[in-house]
Amino acid sequence: MARPDSATAVDTSRDGSPLRATERHDSERLRAAGAFICGDAGRARAAVSLLRTYEAEPVESEVHGTSMGSVLPHAAHIRIALGSDACDVGQVIAFMAGGKVFVHRVVYRGRFGIARNHLITQGDAMRLPDPPIAEADVLGPVVEVQCGTAWRPPDPAARAPRRDRLLAFAVLAIGITCLHVSPRLAVWLIDRLGVADRRLGWTRALLY
């Protein structure tokens, strides 16, 4: 279930402001933690399982890719609150898929039936949602993004063109329906639509 055009979290971050000795030590420690955890899905899963019982500091990471548009541009530095259960609709989260760590926005959260504890995410700059994931695959919310020397929460999603929103809504509605029938079916269907779009560009041909 690969997402080759997605924003991938990999830690190579640095702070652009002058740091005192203690601040530099803390920043380096958080970056080292981000590099160690986000560089391997197995370590990420183990870290999240451990940190769910503790209040740990967010780790720092760097986003690779343009699927989040201007909200998280390529090479943006982010902070992830590992182990946090906050993953509501509209929240930008880091999650594992296909052995990698990705950063996208939650567009649907199943709350009952077979869809319970499943999420559907989508990159702000993408026309199609991602295949559903289990909440157990969520590392945590992205709580801050670096802007210059300051840190602030991620912006809300930019408003896409109307035709793009309608297409995304239609595919999301189909995905949600399938999710309430079988999560595996929803994963297969949305994944196939994404693969077809990367190969054939059917969404651009349909819309433009």
N, C-alpha and C. Protein backbone atom coordinates (compact mmCIF):
# COMPACT_ATOMS: atom_id res chain seq x y z
N MET A 1 0.85 -1.18 0.00
CA MET A 1 0.00 0.00 0.00
C MET A 1 0.88 1.23 0.00
N ALA A 2 1.57 1.44 -1.07
CA ALA A 2 2.56 2.51 -1.14
C ALA A 2 1.90 3.84 -1.46
N ARG A 3 2.50 4.90 -0.99
CA ARG A 3 2.03 6.25 -1.28
C ARG A 3 3.22 7.05 -1.79
N PRO A 4 3.65 6.84 -3.05
CA PRO A 4 4.89 7.45 -3.52
C PRO A 4 4.84 8.97 -3.58
N ASP A 5 3.63 9.58 -3.66
CA ASP A 5 3.55 11.02 -3.76
C ASP A 5 3.24 11.66 -2.41
N SER A 6 3.32 10.89 -1.34
CA SER A 6 2.91 11.39 -0.04
C SER A 6 4.05 12.09 0.67
N ALA A 7 3.67 12.87 1.67
CA ALA A 7 4.66 13.54 2.51
C ALA A 7 5.21 12.53 3.50
N THR A 8 6.47 12.25 3.40
CA THR A 8 7.12 11.27 4.26
C THR A 8 7.90 11.97 5.34
N ALA A 9 7.78 11.48 6.55
CA ALA A 9 8.49 12.10 7.68
C ALA A 9 9.84 11.44 7.88
N VAL A 10 10.90 12.19 7.65
CA VAL A 10 12.26 11.72 7.88
C VAL A 10 13.01 12.83 8.58
N ASP A 11 13.72 12.53 9.65
CA ASP A 11 14.32 13.58 10.46
C ASP A 11 15.72 13.97 9.99
N THR A 12 15.82 15.20 9.49
CA THR A 12 17.14 15.81 9.25
C THR A 12 17.05 17.27 9.68
N SER A 13 16.18 17.54 10.65
CA SER A 13 15.84 18.92 10.97
C SER A 13 16.95 19.66 11.69
N ARG A 14 16.84 21.00 11.68
CA ARG A 14 17.77 21.85 12.41
C ARG A 14 17.02 23.11 12.81
N ASP A 15 17.41 23.71 13.87
CA ASP A 15 16.79 24.93 14.35
C ASP A 15 17.53 26.12 13.75
N GLY A 16 16.77 27.05 13.17
CA GLY A 16 17.42 28.17 12.51
C GLY A 16 17.82 29.30 13.44
N SER A 17 17.41 29.24 14.72
CA SER A 17 17.73 30.34 15.63
C SER A 17 18.93 30.00 16.50
N PRO A 18 19.66 31.03 17.01
CA PRO A 18 20.77 30.77 17.93
C PRO A 18 20.27 30.06 19.18
N LEU A 19 21.02 29.10 19.68
CA LEU A 19 20.60 28.31 20.82
C LEU A 19 21.61 28.41 21.96
N ARG A 20 21.08 28.49 23.18
CA ARG A 20 21.94 28.35 24.33
C ARG A 20 22.33 26.89 24.48
N ALA A 21 23.29 26.59 25.34
CA ALA A 21 23.81 25.23 25.46
C ALA A 21 22.71 24.23 25.80
N THR A 22 21.84 24.56 26.77
CA THR A 22 20.79 23.63 27.17
C THR A 22 19.78 23.44 26.05
N GLU A 23 19.39 24.55 25.37
CA GLU A 23 18.44 24.45 24.27
C GLU A 23 19.01 23.63 23.13
N ARG A 24 20.31 23.81 22.85
CA ARG A 24 20.93 23.06 21.78
C ARG A 24 20.93 21.57 22.10
N HIS A 25 21.22 21.25 23.35
CA HIS A 25 21.22 19.85 23.76
C HIS A 25 19.82 19.24 23.60
N ASP A 26 18.78 19.99 24.03
CA ASP A 26 17.41 19.48 23.93
C ASP A 26 17.01 19.31 22.47
N SER A 27 17.36 20.28 21.63
CA SER A 27 17.00 20.20 20.21
C SER A 27 17.68 19.02 19.53
N GLU A 28 18.95 18.84 19.83
CA GLU A 28 19.69 17.72 19.24
C GLU A 28 19.11 16.39 19.70
N ARG A 29 18.68 16.33 20.97
CA ARG A 29 18.11 15.09 21.50
C ARG A 29 16.79 14.76 20.80
N LEU A 30 15.95 15.76 20.58
CA LEU A 30 14.67 15.53 19.93
C LEU A 30 14.86 15.14 18.46
N ARG A 31 15.85 15.77 17.82
CA ARG A 31 16.12 15.41 16.42
C ARG A 31 16.66 13.99 16.32
N ALA A 32 17.52 13.63 17.24
CA ALA A 32 18.06 12.27 17.24
C ALA A 32 16.96 11.25 17.48
N ALA A 33 16.04 11.57 18.38
CA ALA A 33 14.91 10.68 18.63
C ALA A 33 14.06 10.55 17.38
N GLY A 34 13.81 11.68 16.70
CA GLY A 34 13.01 11.64 15.47
C GLY A 34 13.67 10.80 14.39
N ALA A 35 14.98 10.95 14.24
CA ALA A 35 15.70 10.18 13.22
C ALA A 35 15.64 8.69 13.53
N PHE A 36 15.80 8.33 14.78
CA PHE A 36 15.81 6.92 15.18
C PHE A 36 14.44 6.31 15.00
N ILE A 37 13.39 7.02 15.42
CA ILE A 37 12.04 6.46 15.40
C ILE A 37 11.43 6.48 14.01
N CYS A 38 11.46 7.64 13.34
CA CYS A 38 10.79 7.79 12.05
C CYS A 38 11.53 7.08 10.92
N GLY A 39 12.77 6.69 11.15
CA GLY A 39 13.53 6.02 10.11
C GLY A 39 13.20 4.55 9.96
N ASP A 40 12.39 4.01 10.88
CA ASP A 40 12.09 2.58 10.82
C ASP A 40 10.70 2.35 11.42
N ALA A 41 9.82 1.69 10.66
CA ALA A 41 8.44 1.50 11.11
C ALA A 41 8.37 0.62 12.36
N GLY A 42 9.26 -0.37 12.46
CA GLY A 42 9.25 -1.23 13.63
C GLY A 42 9.59 -0.47 14.89
N ARG A 43 10.61 0.40 14.81
CA ARG A 43 10.97 1.22 15.97
C ARG A 43 9.85 2.20 16.30
N ALA A 44 9.21 2.74 15.25
CA ALA A 44 8.12 3.69 15.48
C ALA A 44 6.97 3.02 16.23
N ARG A 45 6.60 1.83 15.82
CA ARG A 45 5.50 1.11 16.47
C ARG A 45 5.85 0.82 17.94
N ALA A 46 7.09 0.38 18.19
CA ALA A 46 7.51 0.07 19.55
C ALA A 46 7.53 1.33 20.41
N ALA A 47 7.99 2.45 19.83
CA ALA A 47 8.06 3.70 20.58
C ALA A 47 6.68 4.19 20.96
N VAL A 48 5.74 4.12 20.03
CA VAL A 48 4.38 4.57 20.31
C VAL A 48 3.74 3.71 21.38
N SER A 49 3.92 2.41 21.30
CA SER A 49 3.38 1.50 22.31
C SER A 49 3.91 1.84 23.69
N LEU A 50 5.19 2.17 23.77
CA LEU A 50 5.80 2.50 25.06
C LEU A 50 5.34 3.86 25.56
N LEU A 51 5.27 4.85 24.66
CA LEU A 51 5.02 6.22 25.08
C LEU A 51 3.56 6.51 25.38
N ARG A 52 2.65 5.59 25.03
CA ARG A 52 1.24 5.82 25.34
C ARG A 52 0.99 5.93 26.83
N THR A 53 1.90 5.42 27.65
CA THR A 53 1.73 5.47 29.10
C THR A 53 2.54 6.59 29.74
N TYR A 54 3.23 7.40 28.93
CA TYR A 54 4.04 8.48 29.45
C TYR A 54 3.72 9.79 28.72
N GLU A 55 4.05 10.89 29.35
CA GLU A 55 3.94 12.19 28.70
C GLU A 55 5.32 12.58 28.19
N ALA A 56 5.62 12.20 26.97
CA ALA A 56 6.95 12.46 26.41
C ALA A 56 6.91 13.72 25.53
N GLU A 57 8.07 14.33 25.35
CA GLU A 57 8.17 15.49 24.47
C GLU A 57 8.01 15.06 23.02
N PRO A 58 7.46 15.94 22.18
CA PRO A 58 7.37 15.61 20.75
C PRO A 58 8.76 15.42 20.14
N VAL A 59 8.85 14.56 19.14
CA VAL A 59 10.10 14.41 18.41
C VAL A 59 10.05 15.31 17.17
N GLU A 60 11.22 15.73 16.71
CA GLU A 60 11.31 16.59 15.53
C GLU A 60 11.66 15.74 14.31
N SER A 61 11.05 16.09 13.18
CA SER A 61 11.28 15.37 11.95
C SER A 61 11.18 16.34 10.78
N GLU A 62 11.51 15.85 9.60
CA GLU A 62 11.45 16.67 8.38
C GLU A 62 10.55 15.99 7.36
N VAL A 63 9.71 16.77 6.71
CA VAL A 63 8.78 16.24 5.72
C VAL A 63 9.43 16.23 4.34
N HIS A 64 9.35 15.08 3.67
CA HIS A 64 9.83 14.95 2.29
C HIS A 64 8.62 14.72 1.39
N GLY A 65 8.44 15.58 0.39
CA GLY A 65 7.31 15.43 -0.52
C GLY A 65 6.45 16.69 -0.52
N THR A 66 5.52 16.76 -1.48
CA THR A 66 4.70 17.96 -1.66
C THR A 66 3.21 17.68 -1.53
N SER A 67 2.83 16.51 -1.02
CA SER A 67 1.42 16.14 -0.99
C SER A 67 0.60 16.95 0.02
N MET A 68 1.27 17.64 0.95
CA MET A 68 0.54 18.48 1.90
C MET A 68 0.51 19.95 1.48
N GLY A 69 1.00 20.24 0.28
CA GLY A 69 0.93 21.59 -0.25
C GLY A 69 1.67 22.60 0.61
N SER A 70 1.09 23.79 0.72
CA SER A 70 1.75 24.88 1.45
C SER A 70 1.69 24.69 2.97
N VAL A 71 0.82 23.82 3.46
CA VAL A 71 0.71 23.60 4.90
C VAL A 71 1.99 22.96 5.43
N LEU A 72 2.49 21.95 4.71
CA LEU A 72 3.76 21.31 5.06
C LEU A 72 4.57 21.16 3.78
N PRO A 73 5.23 22.20 3.34
CA PRO A 73 6.01 22.11 2.10
C PRO A 73 7.19 21.14 2.25
N HIS A 74 7.77 20.78 1.12
CA HIS A 74 8.93 19.88 1.13
C HIS A 74 10.03 20.45 2.02
N ALA A 75 10.59 19.59 2.86
CA ALA A 75 11.67 19.93 3.79
C ALA A 75 11.19 20.73 5.01
N ALA A 76 9.86 20.81 5.21
CA ALA A 76 9.36 21.47 6.41
C ALA A 76 9.74 20.67 7.65
N HIS A 77 10.06 21.36 8.73
CA HIS A 77 10.39 20.72 10.00
C HIS A 77 9.14 20.65 10.86
N ILE A 78 8.88 19.49 11.42
CA ILE A 78 7.66 19.29 12.19
C ILE A 78 7.97 18.65 13.54
N ARG A 79 7.01 18.75 14.46
CA ARG A 79 7.08 18.07 15.73
C ARG A 79 5.88 17.14 15.86
N ILE A 80 6.15 15.87 16.19
CA ILE A 80 5.12 14.84 16.29
C ILE A 80 4.98 14.43 17.75
N ALA A 81 3.75 14.47 18.27
CA ALA A 81 3.49 14.05 19.64
C ALA A 81 3.25 12.54 19.65
N LEU A 82 4.33 11.78 19.71
CA LEU A 82 4.23 10.33 19.67
C LEU A 82 3.39 9.80 20.81
N GLY A 83 2.50 8.86 20.48
CA GLY A 83 1.71 8.20 21.50
C GLY A 83 0.41 8.90 21.85
N SER A 84 0.20 10.13 21.35
CA SER A 84 -1.04 10.84 21.63
C SER A 84 -2.20 10.20 20.88
N ASP A 85 -3.38 10.17 21.50
CA ASP A 85 -4.56 9.58 20.87
C ASP A 85 -5.34 10.59 20.05
N ALA A 86 -4.87 11.82 19.94
CA ALA A 86 -5.59 12.86 19.21
C ALA A 86 -5.47 12.61 17.71
N CYS A 87 -6.55 12.19 17.09
CA CYS A 87 -6.53 11.97 15.63
C CYS A 87 -7.93 12.22 15.08
N ASP A 88 -8.50 13.38 15.37
CA ASP A 88 -9.83 13.74 14.90
C ASP A 88 -9.77 14.23 13.46
N VAL A 89 -10.94 14.32 12.84
CA VAL A 89 -11.04 14.83 11.47
C VAL A 89 -10.47 16.25 11.42
N GLY A 90 -9.63 16.51 10.44
CA GLY A 90 -8.97 17.80 10.29
C GLY A 90 -7.58 17.84 10.88
N GLN A 91 -7.24 16.84 11.71
CA GLN A 91 -5.93 16.79 12.36
C GLN A 91 -4.88 16.26 11.38
N VAL A 92 -3.70 16.87 11.36
CA VAL A 92 -2.57 16.35 10.60
C VAL A 92 -1.86 15.34 11.48
N ILE A 93 -1.67 14.12 10.98
CA ILE A 93 -1.07 13.05 11.78
C ILE A 93 0.09 12.41 11.04
N ALA A 94 0.96 11.78 11.81
CA ALA A 94 2.01 10.91 11.26
C ALA A 94 1.55 9.48 11.48
N PHE A 95 1.68 8.65 10.45
CA PHE A 95 1.22 7.28 10.56
C PHE A 95 2.10 6.36 9.72
N MET A 96 1.99 5.07 9.99
CA MET A 96 2.77 4.07 9.27
C MET A 96 1.92 3.40 8.19
N ALA A 97 2.53 3.19 7.02
CA ALA A 97 1.87 2.48 5.92
C ALA A 97 2.95 1.93 5.00
N GLY A 98 2.86 0.67 4.68
CA GLY A 98 3.83 0.08 3.78
C GLY A 98 5.25 0.14 4.30
N GLY A 99 5.43 0.10 5.63
CA GLY A 99 6.77 0.12 6.21
C GLY A 99 7.41 1.48 6.27
N LYS A 100 6.65 2.55 5.98
CA LYS A 100 7.18 3.90 6.02
C LYS A 100 6.30 4.78 6.89
N VAL A 101 6.80 5.96 7.22
CA VAL A 101 6.05 6.93 8.01
C VAL A 101 5.59 8.06 7.09
N PHE A 102 4.29 8.38 7.15
CA PHE A 102 3.70 9.40 6.30
C PHE A 102 3.00 10.45 7.15
N VAL A 103 2.79 11.62 6.55
CA VAL A 103 2.12 12.72 7.23
C VAL A 103 1.00 13.25 6.33
N HIS A 104 -0.25 13.01 6.73
CA HIS A 104 -1.42 13.49 5.99
C HIS A 104 -2.49 13.93 6.98
N ARG A 105 -3.58 14.46 6.46
CA ARG A 105 -4.67 14.97 7.29
C ARG A 105 -5.80 13.94 7.38
N VAL A 106 -6.40 13.82 8.56
CA VAL A 106 -7.53 12.90 8.76
C VAL A 106 -8.78 13.51 8.12
N VAL A 107 -9.43 12.74 7.22
CA VAL A 107 -10.67 13.20 6.60
C VAL A 107 -11.88 12.37 7.03
N TYR A 108 -11.64 11.23 7.67
CA TYR A 108 -12.75 10.43 8.20
C TYR A 108 -12.23 9.55 9.33
N ARG A 109 -13.07 9.42 10.37
CA ARG A 109 -12.74 8.54 11.49
C ARG A 109 -13.94 7.66 11.79
N GLY A 110 -13.77 6.34 11.65
CA GLY A 110 -14.85 5.42 11.94
C GLY A 110 -15.09 5.32 13.44
N ARG A 111 -16.35 5.40 13.84
CA ARG A 111 -16.66 5.42 15.27
C ARG A 111 -17.61 4.30 15.70
N PHE A 112 -18.09 3.51 14.76
CA PHE A 112 -18.98 2.41 15.15
C PHE A 112 -18.87 1.28 14.13
N GLY A 113 -19.36 0.10 14.58
CA GLY A 113 -19.35 -1.06 13.70
C GLY A 113 -17.96 -1.50 13.32
N ILE A 114 -17.86 -2.12 12.17
CA ILE A 114 -16.58 -2.67 11.71
C ILE A 114 -15.59 -1.57 11.34
N ALA A 115 -16.09 -0.36 11.10
CA ALA A 115 -15.21 0.76 10.74
C ALA A 115 -14.59 1.43 11.96
N ARG A 116 -15.03 1.04 13.14
CA ARG A 116 -14.51 1.64 14.37
C ARG A 116 -12.99 1.45 14.46
N ASN A 117 -12.30 2.49 14.93
CA ASN A 117 -10.84 2.46 15.07
C ASN A 117 -10.11 2.42 13.73
N HIS A 118 -10.76 2.91 12.68
CA HIS A 118 -10.11 3.07 11.37
C HIS A 118 -10.20 4.53 10.94
N LEU A 119 -9.18 4.97 10.22
CA LEU A 119 -9.11 6.35 9.72
C LEU A 119 -8.89 6.35 8.22
N ILE A 120 -9.38 7.41 7.58
CA ILE A 120 -9.03 7.68 6.18
C ILE A 120 -8.35 9.04 6.16
N THR A 121 -7.19 9.11 5.54
CA THR A 121 -6.41 10.34 5.47
C THR A 121 -6.30 10.81 4.03
N GLN A 122 -5.84 12.04 3.85
CA GLN A 122 -5.62 12.58 2.51
C GLN A 122 -4.63 13.72 2.59
N GLY A 123 -3.72 13.79 1.62
CA GLY A 123 -2.82 14.93 1.52
C GLY A 123 -3.59 16.14 1.04
N ASP A 124 -3.29 17.31 1.58
CA ASP A 124 -4.02 18.53 1.20
C ASP A 124 -3.92 18.83 -0.29
N ALA A 125 -2.83 18.43 -0.92
CA ALA A 125 -2.62 18.72 -2.33
C ALA A 125 -2.98 17.53 -3.23
N MET A 126 -3.59 16.49 -2.67
CA MET A 126 -3.93 15.29 -3.42
C MET A 126 -5.42 15.28 -3.77
N ARG A 127 -5.76 14.70 -4.93
CA ARG A 127 -7.16 14.63 -5.33
C ARG A 127 -7.90 13.45 -4.72
N LEU A 128 -7.16 12.42 -4.34
CA LEU A 128 -7.78 11.21 -3.82
C LEU A 128 -7.37 10.95 -2.39
N PRO A 129 -8.27 10.39 -1.59
CA PRO A 129 -7.89 10.01 -0.22
C PRO A 129 -6.96 8.80 -0.24
N ASP A 130 -6.33 8.53 0.90
CA ASP A 130 -5.48 7.37 1.06
C ASP A 130 -6.32 6.16 1.45
N PRO A 131 -5.78 4.96 1.23
CA PRO A 131 -6.45 3.76 1.76
C PRO A 131 -6.58 3.86 3.28
N PRO A 132 -7.64 3.31 3.86
CA PRO A 132 -7.83 3.39 5.31
C PRO A 132 -6.67 2.77 6.08
N ILE A 133 -6.46 3.27 7.29
CA ILE A 133 -5.46 2.72 8.20
C ILE A 133 -6.14 2.45 9.55
N ALA A 134 -5.56 1.56 10.33
CA ALA A 134 -6.03 1.33 11.69
C ALA A 134 -5.44 2.39 12.61
N GLU A 135 -6.19 2.76 13.64
CA GLU A 135 -5.68 3.75 14.59
C GLU A 135 -4.39 3.29 15.25
N ALA A 136 -4.18 1.97 15.30
CA ALA A 136 -2.95 1.44 15.89
C ALA A 136 -1.73 1.82 15.06
N ASP A 137 -1.92 2.21 13.79
CA ASP A 137 -0.81 2.60 12.92
C ASP A 137 -0.47 4.09 13.03
N VAL A 138 -1.22 4.83 13.84
CA VAL A 138 -0.97 6.26 14.01
C VAL A 138 0.15 6.47 15.02
N LEU A 139 1.16 7.24 14.63
CA LEU A 139 2.24 7.58 15.56
C LEU A 139 1.82 8.71 16.49
N GLY A 140 1.08 9.67 15.94
CA GLY A 140 0.63 10.80 16.75
C GLY A 140 0.35 12.01 15.86
N PRO A 141 -0.25 13.05 16.43
CA PRO A 141 -0.54 14.25 15.65
C PRO A 141 0.70 15.11 15.44
N VAL A 142 0.70 15.84 14.33
CA VAL A 142 1.74 16.85 14.11
C VAL A 142 1.28 18.10 14.86
N VAL A 143 1.97 18.44 15.92
CA VAL A 143 1.52 19.52 16.79
C VAL A 143 2.09 20.88 16.40
N GLU A 144 3.25 20.86 15.72
CA GLU A 144 3.86 22.13 15.32
C GLU A 144 4.65 21.97 14.03
N VAL A 145 4.72 23.07 13.28
CA VAL A 145 5.58 23.14 12.10
C VAL A 145 6.43 24.40 12.23
N GLN A 146 7.68 24.30 11.81
CA GLN A 146 8.59 25.43 11.95
C GLN A 146 8.40 26.43 10.82
N CYS A 147 8.27 27.69 11.19
CA CYS A 147 8.17 28.79 10.22
C CYS A 147 9.24 29.81 10.57
N GLY A 148 10.32 29.80 9.81
CA GLY A 148 11.45 30.64 10.16
C GLY A 148 12.10 30.11 11.43
N THR A 149 12.15 30.93 12.46
CA THR A 149 12.70 30.49 13.74
C THR A 149 11.60 30.18 14.75
N ALA A 150 10.34 30.33 14.35
CA ALA A 150 9.23 30.09 15.26
C ALA A 150 8.53 28.77 14.93
N TRP A 151 7.80 28.25 15.93
CA TRP A 151 7.01 27.03 15.74
C TRP A 151 5.54 27.38 15.97
N ARG A 152 4.65 26.80 15.15
CA ARG A 152 3.21 27.04 15.30
C ARG A 152 2.44 25.81 14.83
N PRO A 153 1.17 25.69 15.23
CA PRO A 153 0.36 24.54 14.78
C PRO A 153 0.17 24.57 13.26
N PRO A 154 -0.02 23.42 12.62
CA PRO A 154 -0.27 23.39 11.18
C PRO A 154 -1.53 24.18 10.81
N ASP A 155 -1.50 24.84 9.69
CA ASP A 155 -2.67 25.59 9.21
C ASP A 155 -3.78 24.63 8.79
N PRO A 156 -5.04 25.12 8.75
CA PRO A 156 -6.12 24.32 8.16
C PRO A 156 -5.83 24.06 6.69
N ALA A 157 -6.50 23.07 6.14
CA ALA A 157 -6.30 22.74 4.73
C ALA A 157 -6.75 23.89 3.83
N ALA A 158 -5.95 24.17 2.81
CA ALA A 158 -6.34 25.18 1.82
C ALA A 158 -7.53 24.67 1.02
N ARG A 159 -8.38 25.56 0.56
CA ARG A 159 -9.58 25.18 -0.18
C ARG A 159 -9.20 24.81 -1.62
N ALA A 160 -9.47 23.56 -2.00
CA ALA A 160 -9.15 23.08 -3.34
C ALA A 160 -10.22 23.55 -4.33
N PRO A 161 -9.93 23.50 -5.65
CA PRO A 161 -10.95 23.83 -6.64
C PRO A 161 -12.20 22.97 -6.46
N ARG A 162 -13.35 23.51 -6.81
CA ARG A 162 -14.63 22.85 -6.55
C ARG A 162 -14.69 21.46 -7.18
N ARG A 163 -14.23 21.31 -8.41
CA ARG A 163 -14.31 20.01 -9.08
C ARG A 163 -13.43 18.97 -8.38
N ASP A 164 -12.28 19.43 -7.88
CA ASP A 164 -11.41 18.52 -7.13
C ASP A 164 -12.07 18.08 -5.83
N ARG A 165 -12.75 19.03 -5.15
CA ARG A 165 -13.43 18.69 -3.91
C ARG A 165 -14.56 17.70 -4.15
N LEU A 166 -15.29 17.87 -5.23
CA LEU A 166 -16.39 16.97 -5.53
C LEU A 166 -15.89 15.55 -5.82
N LEU A 167 -14.79 15.46 -6.56
CA LEU A 167 -14.23 14.14 -6.85
C LEU A 167 -13.74 13.48 -5.57
N ALA A 168 -13.01 14.23 -4.74
CA ALA A 168 -12.50 13.68 -3.49
C ALA A 168 -13.65 13.23 -2.60
N PHE A 169 -14.73 14.03 -2.55
CA PHE A 169 -15.88 13.68 -1.73
C PHE A 169 -16.54 12.40 -2.23
N ALA A 170 -16.66 12.26 -3.56
CA ALA A 170 -17.29 11.07 -4.12
C ALA A 170 -16.48 9.81 -3.80
N VAL A 171 -15.16 9.89 -3.99
CA VAL A 171 -14.31 8.73 -3.69
C VAL A 171 -14.31 8.44 -2.20
N LEU A 172 -14.29 9.49 -1.37
CA LEU A 172 -14.32 9.30 0.08
C LEU A 172 -15.62 8.63 0.50
N ALA A 173 -16.75 9.06 -0.08
CA ALA A 173 -18.05 8.46 0.26
C ALA A 173 -18.07 6.98 -0.09
N ILE A 174 -17.52 6.63 -1.25
CA ILE A 174 -17.44 5.22 -1.63
C ILE A 174 -16.53 4.46 -0.66
N GLY A 175 -15.40 5.08 -0.32
CA GLY A 175 -14.48 4.44 0.60
C GLY A 175 -15.09 4.22 1.97
N ILE A 176 -15.85 5.21 2.47
CA ILE A 176 -16.50 5.07 3.77
C ILE A 176 -17.53 3.96 3.75
N THR A 177 -18.31 3.89 2.66
CA THR A 177 -19.30 2.83 2.53
C THR A 177 -18.63 1.46 2.55
N CYS A 178 -17.55 1.32 1.80
CA CYS A 178 -16.82 0.05 1.78
C CYS A 178 -16.20 -0.25 3.15
N LEU A 179 -15.73 0.80 3.83
CA LEU A 179 -15.10 0.60 5.13
C LEU A 179 -16.08 0.00 6.13
N HIS A 180 -17.34 0.37 6.03
CA HIS A 180 -18.36 -0.15 6.95
C HIS A 180 -18.82 -1.55 6.55
N VAL A 181 -18.40 -1.98 5.37
CA VAL A 181 -18.68 -3.37 4.95
C VAL A 181 -17.48 -4.25 5.23
N SER A 182 -16.30 -3.78 4.82
CA SER A 182 -15.06 -4.53 5.02
C SER A 182 -13.88 -3.58 4.88
N PRO A 183 -13.09 -3.35 5.94
CA PRO A 183 -11.91 -2.50 5.82
C PRO A 183 -10.96 -2.96 4.72
N ARG A 184 -10.83 -4.27 4.55
CA ARG A 184 -9.95 -4.79 3.51
C ARG A 184 -10.44 -4.38 2.13
N LEU A 185 -11.76 -4.40 1.92
CA LEU A 185 -12.32 -3.98 0.64
C LEU A 185 -12.05 -2.50 0.40
N ALA A 186 -12.21 -1.68 1.43
CA ALA A 186 -11.98 -0.24 1.29
C ALA A 186 -10.51 0.04 0.95
N VAL A 187 -9.59 -0.66 1.62
CA VAL A 187 -8.17 -0.50 1.33
C VAL A 187 -7.88 -0.87 -0.13
N TRP A 188 -8.41 -2.00 -0.57
CA TRP A 188 -8.16 -2.47 -1.94
C TRP A 188 -8.70 -1.48 -2.97
N LEU A 189 -9.93 -1.00 -2.77
CA LEU A 189 -10.56 -0.13 -3.76
C LEU A 189 -9.83 1.20 -3.87
N ILE A 190 -9.58 1.87 -2.75
CA ILE A 190 -8.93 3.18 -2.81
C ILE A 190 -7.50 3.05 -3.30
N ASP A 191 -6.83 1.97 -2.91
CA ASP A 191 -5.46 1.74 -3.39
C ASP A 191 -5.45 1.56 -4.90
N ARG A 192 -6.40 0.80 -5.44
CA ARG A 192 -6.47 0.58 -6.89
C ARG A 192 -6.73 1.89 -7.63
N LEU A 193 -7.61 2.74 -7.09
CA LEU A 193 -7.88 4.02 -7.72
C LEU A 193 -6.63 4.89 -7.74
N GLY A 194 -5.87 4.86 -6.65
CA GLY A 194 -4.64 5.64 -6.60
C GLY A 194 -3.59 5.13 -7.57
N VAL A 195 -3.43 3.81 -7.65
CA VAL A 195 -2.47 3.23 -8.58
C VAL A 195 -2.84 3.58 -10.01
N ALA A 196 -4.13 3.48 -10.34
CA ALA A 196 -4.60 3.81 -11.69
C ALA A 196 -4.35 5.28 -12.02
N ASP A 197 -4.51 6.15 -11.04
CA ASP A 197 -4.29 7.57 -11.29
C ASP A 197 -2.81 7.86 -11.53
N ARG A 198 -1.93 7.20 -10.77
CA ARG A 198 -0.50 7.42 -10.97
C ARG A 198 -0.04 6.91 -12.32
N ARG A 199 -0.67 5.85 -12.81
CA ARG A 199 -0.28 5.28 -14.10
C ARG A 199 -0.95 5.98 -15.27
N LEU A 200 -2.22 6.31 -15.13
CA LEU A 200 -3.01 6.80 -16.27
C LEU A 200 -3.43 8.26 -16.14
N GLY A 201 -3.32 8.83 -14.94
CA GLY A 201 -3.74 10.21 -14.73
C GLY A 201 -5.22 10.42 -14.96
N TRP A 202 -6.06 9.46 -14.52
CA TRP A 202 -7.48 9.54 -14.85
C TRP A 202 -8.19 10.68 -14.14
N THR A 203 -7.71 11.11 -12.97
CA THR A 203 -8.40 12.21 -12.30
C THR A 203 -8.22 13.53 -13.06
N ARG A 204 -7.00 13.79 -13.55
CA ARG A 204 -6.78 15.03 -14.33
C ARG A 204 -7.56 14.98 -15.64
N ALA A 205 -7.55 13.81 -16.30
CA ALA A 205 -8.29 13.69 -17.55
C ALA A 205 -9.79 13.90 -17.33
N LEU A 206 -10.30 13.41 -16.22
CA LEU A 206 -11.73 13.55 -15.92
C LEU A 206 -12.10 14.98 -15.58
N LEU A 207 -11.25 15.64 -14.81
CA LEU A 207 -11.59 16.96 -14.30
C LEU A 207 -11.20 18.10 -15.23
N TYR A 208 -10.11 17.90 -16.00
CA TYR A 208 -9.59 19.02 -16.79
C TYR A 208 -9.41 18.67 -18.27
